[in-house]
Amino acid sequence: MLATSGNKLFYYAWPKDATHNYEIDFLVSQGSKIYPIEVKSSGYNAHASLDAFSKKFSQIVDKRYLIYTKDLKRDGETLLLPVYMTPFLLEDQQRENT
């Protein structure tokens, strides 16, 4: 859905410790800002990778998203979106950039 909307998608991973990695499922770049997107296949809503990425690249991260199977809500700076809302994820930013 993100690629069909015309977004160029990127994946990013970096070491958390000797045996684990942080990972961001999708990075979308629009203008000078980056939007990290994490996808969870269940209702699990932890977002340590999003938090770490946003802290590491705070100067270029605008909004961050977690797509999952539960209801719409906000957890701090992270917007948690139900899967069915994915097509509308970056609609506001795309409108601003046109």
C-alpha atoms as a PDB file:
ATOM      1  CA  MET A   1       0.000   0.000   0.000  1.00  0.00           C
ATOM      2  CA  LEU A   2       2.847   2.395   0.795  1.00  0.00           C
ATOM      3  CA  ALA A   3       4.677   1.678  -2.467  1.00  0.00           C
ATOM      4  CA  THR A   4       1.468   1.900  -4.500  1.00  0.00           C
ATOM      5  CA  SER A   5       0.957   5.398  -3.096  1.00  0.00           C
ATOM      6  CA  GLY A   6       4.197   6.401  -4.834  1.00  0.00           C
ATOM      7  CA  ASN A   7       6.543   6.148  -1.871  1.00  0.00           C
ATOM      8  CA  LYS A   8      10.088   4.883  -2.268  1.00  0.00           C
ATOM      9  CA  LEU A   9      10.589   2.500   0.669  1.00  0.00           C
ATOM     10  CA  PHE A  10      13.767   1.774   2.600  1.00  0.00           C
ATOM     11  CA  TYR A  11      14.667  -0.652   5.417  1.00  0.00           C
ATOM     12  CA  TYR A  12      17.146   0.190   8.190  1.00  0.00           C
ATOM     13  CA  ALA A  13      18.807  -1.974  10.874  1.00  0.00           C
ATOM     14  CA  TRP A  14      21.619  -1.316  13.354  1.00  0.00           C
ATOM     15  CA  PRO A  15      23.102  -3.217  16.328  1.00  0.00           C
ATOM     16  CA  LYS A  16      21.352  -3.003  19.676  1.00  0.00           C
ATOM     17  CA  ASP A  17      23.885  -5.198  21.435  1.00  0.00           C
ATOM     18  CA  ALA A  18      26.134  -8.176  20.597  1.00  0.00           C
ATOM     19  CA  THR A  19      23.212 -10.473  19.718  1.00  0.00           C
ATOM     20  CA  HIS A  20      20.257  -8.230  18.804  1.00  0.00           C
ATOM     21  CA  ASN A  21      19.452  -5.541  16.252  1.00  0.00           C
ATOM     22  CA  TYR A  22      17.073  -2.631  16.087  1.00  0.00           C
ATOM     23  CA  GLU A  23      15.158  -2.470  12.818  1.00  0.00           C
ATOM     24  CA  ILE A  24      12.776  -0.133  11.088  1.00  0.00           C
ATOM     25  CA  ASP A  25      10.519  -1.892   8.607  1.00  0.00           C
ATOM     26  CA  PHE A  26       9.975   1.091   6.324  1.00  0.00           C
ATOM     27  CA  LEU A  27      11.545   4.505   5.993  1.00  0.00           C
ATOM     28  CA  VAL A  28       9.765   6.996   3.781  1.00  0.00           C
ATOM     29  CA  SER A  29      11.559  10.165   2.762  1.00  0.00           C
ATOM     30  CA  GLN A  30       9.587  13.250   1.818  1.00  0.00           C
ATOM     31  CA  GLY A  31      11.454  16.488   1.347  1.00  0.00           C
ATOM     32  CA  SER A  32      14.009  16.863   4.113  1.00  0.00           C
ATOM     33  CA  LYS A  33      12.076  14.677   6.579  1.00  0.00           C
ATOM     34  CA  ILE A  34      12.006  10.942   7.238  1.00  0.00           C
ATOM     35  CA  TYR A  35       9.017   8.986   8.474  1.00  0.00           C
ATOM     36  CA  PRO A  36       9.908   5.683  10.194  1.00  0.00           C
ATOM     37  CA  ILE A  37       7.209   3.001  10.064  1.00  0.00           C
ATOM     38  CA  GLU A  38       7.145  -0.210  12.099  1.00  0.00           C
ATOM     39  CA  VAL A  39       4.695  -3.010  11.296  1.00  0.00           C
ATOM     40  CA  LYS A  40       3.457  -5.515  13.890  1.00  0.00           C
ATOM     41  CA  SER A  41       1.518  -8.606  12.860  1.00  0.00           C
ATOM     42  CA  SER A  42      -0.337  -8.827  16.164  1.00  0.00           C
ATOM     43  CA  GLY A  43      -1.716  -6.345  18.670  1.00  0.00           C
ATOM     44  CA  TYR A  44       1.735  -5.984  20.195  1.00  0.00           C
ATOM     45  CA  ASN A  45       2.456  -2.270  20.425  1.00  0.00           C
ATOM     46  CA  ALA A  46       6.009  -1.975  21.792  1.00  0.00           C
ATOM     47  CA  HIS A  47       8.163   0.287  19.659  1.00  0.00           C
ATOM     48  CA  ALA A  48      11.729   0.296  21.019  1.00  0.00           C
ATOM     49  CA  SER A  49      13.209   0.450  17.511  1.00  0.00           C
ATOM     50  CA  LEU A  50      11.085   3.463  16.588  1.00  0.00           C
ATOM     51  CA  ASP A  51      12.066   5.213  19.803  1.00  0.00           C
ATOM     52  CA  ALA A  52      15.787   4.497  19.315  1.00  0.00           C
ATOM     53  CA  PHE A  53      15.719   5.529  15.639  1.00  0.00           C
ATOM     54  CA  SER A  54      13.823   8.733  16.392  1.00  0.00           C
ATOM     55  CA  LYS A  55      16.295   9.652  19.116  1.00  0.00           C
ATOM     56  CA  LYS A  56      19.312   8.835  16.911  1.00  0.00           C
ATOM     57  CA  PHE A  57      17.989  10.865  13.953  1.00  0.00           C
ATOM     58  CA  SER A  58      15.834  13.422  15.785  1.00  0.00           C
ATOM     59  CA  GLN A  59      16.865  16.275  13.493  1.00  0.00           C
ATOM     60  CA  ILE A  60      15.270  14.626  10.421  1.00  0.00           C
ATOM     61  CA  VAL A  61      12.431  12.489  11.840  1.00  0.00           C
ATOM     62  CA  ASP A  62       9.089  14.224  11.549  1.00  0.00           C
ATOM     63  CA  LYS A  63       6.363  11.753  12.535  1.00  0.00           C
ATOM     64  CA  ARG A  64       6.659   8.075  13.387  1.00  0.00           C
ATOM     65  CA  TYR A  65       4.120   5.331  12.909  1.00  0.00           C
ATOM     66  CA  LEU A  66       3.356   1.815  14.076  1.00  0.00           C
ATOM     67  CA  ILE A  67       0.927  -0.187  11.951  1.00  0.00           C
ATOM     68  CA  TYR A  68      -0.832  -2.995  13.813  1.00  0.00           C
ATOM     69  CA  THR A  69      -4.116  -4.876  14.212  1.00  0.00           C
ATOM     70  CA  LYS A  70      -5.698  -2.848  17.015  1.00  0.00           C
ATOM     71  CA  ASP A  71      -7.465   0.512  17.262  1.00  0.00           C
ATOM     72  CA  LEU A  72      -6.083   3.938  16.446  1.00  0.00           C
ATOM     73  CA  LYS A  73      -4.219   5.547  19.340  1.00  0.00           C
ATOM     74  CA  ARG A  74      -1.197   7.640  20.228  1.00  0.00           C
ATOM     75  CA  ASP A  75       1.609   6.441  22.483  1.00  0.00           C
ATOM     76  CA  GLY A  76       3.830   9.400  23.221  1.00  0.00           C
ATOM     77  CA  GLU A  77       5.235  10.592  19.890  1.00  0.00           C
ATOM     78  CA  THR A  78       4.185   7.425  18.039  1.00  0.00           C
ATOM     79  CA  LEU A  79       0.896   7.159  16.169  1.00  0.00           C
ATOM     80  CA  LEU A  80      -0.426   3.579  16.245  1.00  0.00           C
ATOM     81  CA  LEU A  81      -2.584   2.883  13.215  1.00  0.00           C
ATOM     82  CA  PRO A  82      -4.848  -0.039  12.335  1.00  0.00           C
ATOM     83  CA  VAL A  83      -3.709  -1.861   9.188  1.00  0.00           C
ATOM     84  CA  TYR A  84      -6.728  -0.669   7.215  1.00  0.00           C
ATOM     85  CA  MET A  85      -5.571   2.970   7.617  1.00  0.00           C
ATOM     86  CA  THR A  86      -2.224   2.366   5.874  1.00  0.00           C
ATOM     87  CA  PRO A  87      -3.300   3.989   2.569  1.00  0.00           C
ATOM     88  CA  PHE A  88      -3.906   7.259   4.449  1.00  0.00           C
ATOM     89  CA  LEU A  89      -0.672   7.175   6.443  1.00  0.00           C
ATOM     90  CA  LEU A  90       1.296   9.932   4.718  1.00  0.00           C
ATOM     91  CA  GLU A  91      -1.579  11.597   2.899  1.00  0.00           C
ATOM     92  CA  ASP A  92      -1.178  14.921   4.745  1.00  0.00           C
ATOM     93  CA  GLN A  93       2.568  15.100   4.060  1.00  0.00           C
ATOM     94  CA  GLN A  94       2.088  14.224   0.384  1.00  0.00           C
ATOM     95  CA  ARG A  95      -0.504  16.997   0.036  1.00  0.00           C
ATOM     96  CA  GLU A  96       1.868  19.516   1.674  1.00  0.00           C
ATOM     97  CA  ASN A  97       4.710  18.563  -0.716  1.00  0.00           C
ATOM     98  CA  THR A  98       2.664  19.038  -3.910  1.00  0.00           C
END
